[in-house]
C-alpha atoms as a PDB file:
ATOM      1  CA  UNK A   1     155.965  60.456  59.045  1.00  0.00           C
ATOM      2  CA  UNK A   2     158.296  57.921  57.511  1.00  0.00           C
ATOM      3  CA  UNK A   3     161.323  59.989  57.984  1.00  0.00           C
ATOM      4  CA  UNK A   4     160.571  60.533  61.516  1.00  0.00           C
ATOM      5  CA  UNK A   5     159.675  57.287  62.766  1.00  0.00           C
ATOM      6  CA  UNK A   6     162.968  55.899  60.785  1.00  0.00           C
ATOM      7  CA  UNK A   7     165.070  58.231  63.030  1.00  0.00           C
ATOM      8  CA  UNK A   8     163.113  56.961  66.013  1.00  0.00           C
ATOM      9  CA  UNK A   9     164.179  53.348  64.748  1.00  0.00           C
ATOM     10  CA  UNK A  10     160.852  52.456  64.031  1.00  0.00           C
ATOM     11  CA  UNK A  11     160.786  50.340  60.741  1.00  0.00           C
ATOM     12  CA  UNK A  12     157.181  50.154  59.711  1.00  0.00           C
ATOM     13  CA  UNK A  13     155.443  49.553  56.485  1.00  0.00           C
ATOM     14  CA  UNK A  14     154.118  53.101  55.079  1.00  0.00           C
ATOM     15  CA  UNK A  15     151.056  51.716  53.357  1.00  0.00           C
ATOM     16  CA  UNK A  16     150.206  50.095  56.772  1.00  0.00           C
ATOM     17  CA  UNK A  17     151.017  52.844  58.727  1.00  0.00           C
ATOM     18  CA  UNK A  18     148.690  54.881  56.669  1.00  0.00           C
ATOM     19  CA  UNK A  19     145.841  52.816  57.168  1.00  0.00           C
ATOM     20  CA  UNK A  20     146.678  52.641  60.879  1.00  0.00           C
ATOM     21  CA  UNK A  21     146.445  56.709  60.797  1.00  0.00           C
ATOM     22  CA  UNK A  22     143.376  56.594  58.778  1.00  0.00           C
ATOM     23  CA  UNK A  23     141.674  54.272  61.287  1.00  0.00           C
ATOM     24  CA  UNK A  24     142.861  56.339  64.423  1.00  0.00           C
ATOM     25  CA  UNK A  25     141.018  59.356  62.478  1.00  0.00           C
ATOM     26  CA  UNK A  26     138.004  57.776  62.076  1.00  0.00           C
ATOM     27  CA  UNK A  27     138.191  56.594  65.854  1.00  0.00           C
ATOM     28  CA  UNK A  28     139.159  59.898  67.115  1.00  0.00           C
ATOM     29  CA  UNK A  29     138.298  60.663  70.597  1.00  0.00           C
ATOM     30  CA  UNK A  30     136.985  57.094  71.038  1.00  0.00           C
ATOM     31  CA  UNK A  31     138.640  54.753  73.794  1.00  0.00           C
ATOM     32  CA  UNK A  32     141.197  52.871  72.772  1.00  0.00           C
ATOM     33  CA  UNK A  33     140.579  49.266  71.208  1.00  0.00           C
ATOM     34  CA  UNK A  34     143.984  47.766  69.861  1.00  0.00           C
ATOM     35  CA  UNK A  35     141.808  44.688  69.262  1.00  0.00           C
ATOM     36  CA  UNK A  36     139.793  45.838  66.903  1.00  0.00           C
ATOM     37  CA  UNK A  37     142.230  47.998  64.890  1.00  0.00           C
ATOM     38  CA  UNK A  38     144.640  44.692  64.913  1.00  0.00           C
ATOM     39  CA  UNK A  39     141.805  42.751  62.868  1.00  0.00           C
ATOM     40  CA  UNK A  40     141.268  45.285  60.583  1.00  0.00           C
ATOM     41  CA  UNK A  41     145.201  45.698  60.016  1.00  0.00           C
ATOM     42  CA  UNK A  42     145.437  41.992  60.118  1.00  0.00           C
ATOM     43  CA  UNK A  43     148.460  42.088  62.763  1.00  0.00           C
ATOM     44  CA  UNK A  44     148.720  41.131  66.011  1.00  0.00           C
ATOM     45  CA  UNK A  45     147.508  43.137  69.286  1.00  0.00           C
ATOM     46  CA  UNK A  46     150.989  43.479  70.392  1.00  0.00           C
ATOM     47  CA  UNK A  47     151.931  44.907  66.923  1.00  0.00           C
ATOM     48  CA  UNK A  48     149.087  47.293  66.990  1.00  0.00           C
ATOM     49  CA  UNK A  49     149.904  48.365  70.413  1.00  0.00           C
ATOM     50  CA  UNK A  50     153.781  49.156  69.187  1.00  0.00           C
ATOM     51  CA  UNK A  51     152.199  51.220  66.063  1.00  0.00           C
ATOM     52  CA  UNK A  52     150.616  53.437  68.679  1.00  0.00           C
ATOM     53  CA  UNK A  53     153.464  53.922  70.792  1.00  0.00           C
ATOM     54  CA  UNK A  54     155.625  54.849  67.586  1.00  0.00           C
ATOM     55  CA  UNK A  55     153.402  57.258  66.629  1.00  0.00           C
ATOM     56  CA  UNK A  56     153.118  58.690  70.144  1.00  0.00           C
ATOM     57  CA  UNK A  57     156.328  59.524  70.044  1.00  0.00           C
ATOM     58  CA  UNK A  58     156.087  61.807  66.760  1.00  0.00           C
ATOM     59  CA  UNK A  59     153.666  63.852  68.779  1.00  0.00           C
ATOM     60  CA  UNK A  60     151.017  63.599  66.295  1.00  0.00           C
ATOM     61  CA  UNK A  61     148.765  61.685  68.674  1.00  0.00           C
ATOM     62  CA  UNK A  62     147.785  61.837  72.137  1.00  0.00           C
ATOM     63  CA  UNK A  63     146.490  59.443  74.246  1.00  0.00           C
ATOM     64  CA  UNK A  64     144.233  60.400  77.207  1.00  0.00           C
ATOM     65  CA  UNK A  65     144.680  58.385  80.304  1.00  0.00           C
ATOM     66  CA  UNK A  66     141.228  58.116  82.277  1.00  0.00           C
ATOM     67  CA  UNK A  67     141.424  59.270  86.088  1.00  0.00           C
ATOM     68  CA  UNK A  68     141.525  56.956  88.545  1.00  0.00           C
ATOM     69  CA  UNK A  69     140.206  57.242  92.063  1.00  0.00           C
ATOM     70  CA  UNK A  70     138.840  54.806  94.860  1.00  0.00           C
ATOM     71  CA  UNK A  71     135.238  55.755  95.125  1.00  0.00           C
ATOM     72  CA  UNK A  72     134.036  52.381  95.236  1.00  0.00           C
ATOM     73  CA  UNK A  73     132.823  52.641  91.245  1.00  0.00           C
ATOM     74  CA  UNK A  74     133.717  50.703  88.127  1.00  0.00           C
ATOM     75  CA  UNK A  75     135.615  52.667  86.016  1.00  0.00           C
ATOM     76  CA  UNK A  76     136.487  52.654  82.357  1.00  0.00           C
ATOM     77  CA  UNK A  77     140.594  51.770  82.020  1.00  0.00           C
ATOM     78  CA  UNK A  78     140.958  52.052  78.228  1.00  0.00           C
ATOM     79  CA  UNK A  79     142.769  55.556  77.317  1.00  0.00           C
ATOM     80  CA  UNK A  80     140.984  57.624  74.656  1.00  0.00           C
ATOM     81  CA  UNK A  81     143.143  58.686  71.309  1.00  0.00           C
ATOM     82  CA  UNK A  82     143.177  61.820  69.454  1.00  0.00           C
ATOM     83  CA  UNK A  83     144.714  63.029  66.415  1.00  0.00           C
ATOM     84  CA  UNK A  84     146.458  66.247  67.869  1.00  0.00           C
ATOM     85  CA  UNK A  85     146.342  68.612  64.954  1.00  0.00           C
ATOM     86  CA  UNK A  86     142.908  68.922  63.638  1.00  0.00           C
ATOM     87  CA  UNK A  87     143.810  70.084  60.266  1.00  0.00           C
ATOM     88  CA  UNK A  88     145.746  66.707  59.551  1.00  0.00           C
ATOM     89  CA  UNK A  89     142.677  64.876  61.238  1.00  0.00           C
ATOM     90  CA  UNK A  90     140.109  66.314  58.730  1.00  0.00           C
ATOM     91  CA  UNK A  91     142.720  65.788  55.781  1.00  0.00           C
ATOM     92  CA  UNK A  92     142.835  62.147  56.353  1.00  0.00           C
ATOM     93  CA  UNK A  93     138.879  61.852  56.637  1.00  0.00           C
ATOM     94  CA  UNK A  94     138.929  63.930  53.304  1.00  0.00           C
ATOM     95  CA  UNK A  95     136.981  66.779  54.866  1.00  0.00           C
ATOM     96  CA  UNK A  96     137.881  70.083  52.620  1.00  0.00           C
ATOM     97  CA  UNK A  97     135.028  72.345  53.141  1.00  0.00           C
ATOM     98  CA  UNK A  98     133.282  73.886  56.189  1.00  0.00           C
ATOM     99  CA  UNK A  99     130.388  72.140  55.176  1.00  0.00           C
ATOM    100  CA  UNK A 100     131.665  68.687  54.952  1.00  0.00           C
ATOM    101  CA  UNK A 101     132.897  69.089  58.423  1.00  0.00           C
ATOM    102  CA  UNK A 102     129.709  70.109  59.702  1.00  0.00           C
ATOM    103  CA  UNK A 103     127.838  67.506  58.162  1.00  0.00           C
ATOM    104  CA  UNK A 104     130.474  64.971  59.409  1.00  0.00           C
ATOM    105  CA  UNK A 105     130.081  62.644  62.501  1.00  0.00           C
ATOM    106  CA  UNK A 106     133.419  63.818  63.863  1.00  0.00           C
ATOM    107  CA  UNK A 107     132.346  67.438  64.054  1.00  0.00           C
ATOM    108  CA  UNK A 108     131.605  66.806  67.613  1.00  0.00           C
ATOM    109  CA  UNK A 109     134.828  64.664  68.313  1.00  0.00           C
ATOM    110  CA  UNK A 110     136.989  67.286  66.648  1.00  0.00           C
ATOM    111  CA  UNK A 111     135.976  70.271  68.236  1.00  0.00           C
ATOM    112  CA  UNK A 112     136.706  67.938  71.700  1.00  0.00           C
ATOM    113  CA  UNK A 113     140.261  67.317  70.488  1.00  0.00           C
ATOM    114  CA  UNK A 114     140.940  70.988  69.354  1.00  0.00           C
ATOM    115  CA  UNK A 115     139.920  72.202  72.885  1.00  0.00           C
ATOM    116  CA  UNK A 116     141.785  69.577  74.622  1.00  0.00           C
ATOM    117  CA  UNK A 117     145.032  70.724  72.698  1.00  0.00           C
ATOM    118  CA  UNK A 118     144.717  74.348  73.417  1.00  0.00           C
ATOM    119  CA  UNK A 119     143.748  74.016  77.031  1.00  0.00           C
ATOM    120  CA  UNK A 120     146.785  71.255  77.300  1.00  0.00           C
ATOM    121  CA  UNK A 121     149.007  74.014  75.956  1.00  0.00           C
ATOM    122  CA  UNK A 122     148.060  76.530  78.220  1.00  0.00           C
ATOM    123  CA  UNK A 123     147.628  74.691  81.383  1.00  0.00           C
ATOM    124  CA  UNK A 124     149.493  75.669  84.827  1.00  0.00           C
ATOM    125  CA  UNK A 125     152.747  74.208  85.471  1.00  0.00           C
ATOM    126  CA  UNK A 126     152.430  70.467  87.046  1.00  0.00           C
ATOM    127  CA  UNK A 127     148.878  70.258  86.018  1.00  0.00           C
ATOM    128  CA  UNK A 128     147.705  67.274  84.250  1.00  0.00           C
ATOM    129  CA  UNK A 129     144.703  65.973  81.717  1.00  0.00           C
ATOM    130  CA  UNK A 130     142.384  63.393  82.205  1.00  0.00           C
ATOM    131  CA  UNK A 131     138.901  62.005  81.653  1.00  0.00           C
ATOM    132  CA  UNK A 132     136.040  60.415  83.738  1.00  0.00           C
ATOM    133  CA  UNK A 133     133.883  57.446  82.863  1.00  0.00           C
ATOM    134  CA  UNK A 134     132.240  54.931  84.833  1.00  0.00           C
ATOM    135  CA  UNK A 135     130.084  51.703  83.991  1.00  0.00           C
ATOM    136  CA  UNK A 136     126.965  53.445  85.607  1.00  0.00           C
ATOM    137  CA  UNK A 137     127.172  56.443  82.857  1.00  0.00           C
ATOM    138  CA  UNK A 138     129.166  58.933  85.107  1.00  0.00           C
ATOM    139  CA  UNK A 139     131.391  60.796  82.551  1.00  0.00           C
ATOM    140  CA  UNK A 140     133.379  64.023  81.918  1.00  0.00           C
ATOM    141  CA  UNK A 141     135.088  64.756  78.616  1.00  0.00           C
ATOM    142  CA  UNK A 142     138.193  66.552  80.380  1.00  0.00           C
ATOM    143  CA  UNK A 143     139.649  66.649  83.820  1.00  0.00           C
ATOM    144  CA  UNK A 144     142.357  69.463  84.469  1.00  0.00           C
ATOM    145  CA  UNK A 145     144.054  67.969  87.674  1.00  0.00           C
ATOM    146  CA  UNK A 146     146.699  69.336  89.867  1.00  0.00           C
ATOM    147  CA  UNK A 147     148.369  67.417  92.928  1.00  0.00           C
ATOM    148  CA  UNK A 148     145.892  64.496  92.573  1.00  0.00           C
ATOM    149  CA  UNK A 149     143.181  66.464  92.709  1.00  0.00           C
ATOM    150  CA  UNK A 150     140.720  67.430  90.126  1.00  0.00           C
ATOM    151  CA  UNK A 151     140.285  71.249  89.681  1.00  0.00           C
ATOM    152  CA  UNK A 152     138.450  71.681  87.030  1.00  0.00           C
ATOM    153  CA  UNK A 153     135.666  69.507  85.352  1.00  0.00           C
ATOM    154  CA  UNK A 154     135.408  70.065  81.800  1.00  0.00           C
ATOM    155  CA  UNK A 155     132.398  69.268  79.528  1.00  0.00           C
ATOM    156  CA  UNK A 156     132.670  69.658  75.785  1.00  0.00           C
ATOM    157  CA  UNK A 157     129.958  70.503  73.199  1.00  0.00           C
ATOM    158  CA  UNK A 158     130.465  71.836  69.728  1.00  0.00           C
ATOM    159  CA  UNK A 159     126.558  73.291  69.618  1.00  0.00           C
ATOM    160  CA  UNK A 160     125.780  76.814  70.662  1.00  0.00           C
ATOM    161  CA  UNK A 161     122.781  75.608  73.341  1.00  0.00           C
ATOM    162  CA  UNK A 162     125.271  73.965  75.871  1.00  0.00           C
ATOM    163  CA  UNK A 163     123.687  71.424  78.219  1.00  0.00           C
ATOM    164  CA  UNK A 164     125.874  68.890  79.560  1.00  0.00           C
ATOM    165  CA  UNK A 165     123.637  65.728  80.430  1.00  0.00           C
ATOM    166  CA  UNK A 166     123.230  63.879  83.872  1.00  0.00           C
ATOM    167  CA  UNK A 167     126.376  61.977  83.749  1.00  0.00           C
ATOM    168  CA  UNK A 168     128.502  64.808  83.821  1.00  0.00           C
ATOM    169  CA  UNK A 169     126.627  66.212  86.507  1.00  0.00           C
ATOM    170  CA  UNK A 170     127.092  62.582  88.273  1.00  0.00           C
ATOM    171  CA  UNK A 171     130.703  62.651  87.670  1.00  0.00           C
ATOM    172  CA  UNK A 172     131.014  66.313  89.354  1.00  0.00           C
ATOM    173  CA  UNK A 173     129.220  64.902  92.475  1.00  0.00           C
ATOM    174  CA  UNK A 174     131.397  62.016  92.383  1.00  0.00           C
ATOM    175  CA  UNK A 175     134.917  64.164  92.034  1.00  0.00           C
ATOM    176  CA  UNK A 176     133.816  67.398  93.320  1.00  0.00           C
ATOM    177  CA  UNK A 177     135.925  69.761  91.323  1.00  0.00           C
ATOM    178  CA  UNK A 178     136.652  73.316  92.246  1.00  0.00           C
ATOM    179  CA  UNK A 179     134.852  74.272  88.597  1.00  0.00           C
ATOM    180  CA  UNK A 180     132.864  72.979  86.045  1.00  0.00           C
ATOM    181  CA  UNK A 181     133.128  74.380  82.679  1.00  0.00           C
ATOM    182  CA  UNK A 182     131.296  73.396  79.415  1.00  0.00           C
ATOM    183  CA  UNK A 183     133.249  74.840  76.764  1.00  0.00           C
ATOM    184  CA  UNK A 184     131.080  75.431  73.395  1.00  0.00           C
ATOM    185  CA  UNK A 185     132.062  77.876  70.146  1.00  0.00           C
ATOM    186  CA  UNK A 186     130.043  80.625  71.302  1.00  0.00           C
ATOM    187  CA  UNK A 187     130.507  83.574  72.783  1.00  0.00           C
ATOM    188  CA  UNK A 188     128.484  84.467  75.539  1.00  0.00           C
ATOM    189  CA  UNK A 189     129.172  82.897  79.528  1.00  0.00           C
ATOM    190  CA  UNK A 190     126.407  81.481  80.624  1.00  0.00           C
ATOM    191  CA  UNK A 191     124.921  79.797  84.109  1.00  0.00           C
ATOM    192  CA  UNK A 192     124.107  76.351  83.869  1.00  0.00           C
ATOM    193  CA  UNK A 193     122.101  74.387  86.277  1.00  0.00           C
ATOM    194  CA  UNK A 194     121.440  77.184  89.078  1.00  0.00           C
ATOM    195  CA  UNK A 195     125.297  77.852  88.944  1.00  0.00           C
ATOM    196  CA  UNK A 196     126.504  74.415  89.295  1.00  0.00           C
ATOM    197  CA  UNK A 197     128.555  74.926  85.737  1.00  0.00           C
ATOM    198  CA  UNK A 198     129.014  77.732  83.594  1.00  0.00           C
ATOM    199  CA  UNK A 199     129.114  77.598  79.682  1.00  0.00           C
ATOM    200  CA  UNK A 200     132.203  79.291  78.515  1.00  0.00           C
ATOM    201  CA  UNK A 201     133.841  80.424  74.934  1.00  0.00           C
ATOM    202  CA  UNK A 202     137.352  78.371  74.315  1.00  0.00           C
ATOM    203  CA  UNK A 203     139.037  81.967  74.601  1.00  0.00           C
ATOM    204  CA  UNK A 204     137.627  82.508  78.046  1.00  0.00           C
ATOM    205  CA  UNK A 205     138.637  79.277  79.348  1.00  0.00           C
ATOM    206  CA  UNK A 206     142.416  80.094  78.510  1.00  0.00           C
ATOM    207  CA  UNK A 207     142.067  83.262  80.155  1.00  0.00           C
ATOM    208  CA  UNK A 208     140.955  81.939  83.364  1.00  0.00           C
ATOM    209  CA  UNK A 209     144.187  79.626  83.241  1.00  0.00           C
ATOM    210  CA  UNK A 210     146.641  81.802  82.409  1.00  0.00           C
ATOM    211  CA  UNK A 211     145.189  84.858  83.936  1.00  0.00           C
ATOM    212  CA  UNK A 212     145.537  86.884  80.850  1.00  0.00           C
ATOM    213  CA  UNK A 213     144.066  87.815  77.588  1.00  0.00           C
ATOM    214  CA  UNK A 214     143.708  84.813  75.052  1.00  0.00           C
ATOM    215  CA  UNK A 215     145.077  84.850  71.682  1.00  0.00           C
ATOM    216  CA  UNK A 216     142.257  85.523  69.074  1.00  0.00           C
ATOM    217  CA  UNK A 217     143.411  82.525  67.224  1.00  0.00           C
ATOM    218  CA  UNK A 218     140.890  79.985  69.006  1.00  0.00           C
ATOM    219  CA  UNK A 219     137.741  81.327  66.850  1.00  0.00           C
ATOM    220  CA  UNK A 220     139.119  79.719  63.851  1.00  0.00           C
ATOM    221  CA  UNK A 221     138.500  76.171  64.431  1.00  0.00           C
ATOM    222  CA  UNK A 222     135.680  75.563  61.761  1.00  0.00           C
ATOM    223  CA  UNK A 223     138.410  77.172  59.237  1.00  0.00           C
ATOM    224  CA  UNK A 224     141.139  74.671  59.950  1.00  0.00           C
END
């Protein structure tokens, strides 16, 4: 980390950067709040923003932007920030065993980040990612976007009984995606809410995006 940032022209104190990474890990998958992180690091708000910009260039962190469309709704404008490698995320949080991960509050967002990274790697050419959240409670974890239109709305659930909340269906009514998926760590394909959405495993989602069989490595999330 120190070497790569130095080569990119950033001279950041290693101890402060380590603390910054740990704070990002504790806020994995949450809305970016640079004022809060700046106070914790005892630096200016602009400095906290520069730290994030620097880490983004190492490809260690993903900054996911909210999807904006004029529907007359008050939209959340802050991005979400993820540690891109789940193994690094777990190491930063001191999680060394499966049991520790399953009992930690980051379990849900860790699975969410894992799904986002793997779907992003298999997106068709020209597709983009985003998320949707309004002040009225409409929320979708992941949007797969092509040509400015939402093709697939994705809710990500870490449990084996995937049931999206009302905010997901409300978001689907707002954005009218072509498909609505709920990705969960199970093995079955389930119809939800009278066919309005499907619960599918991650490897099935990748297979649909690529039109071919997905690698078996997606079954190893917990082991990372």
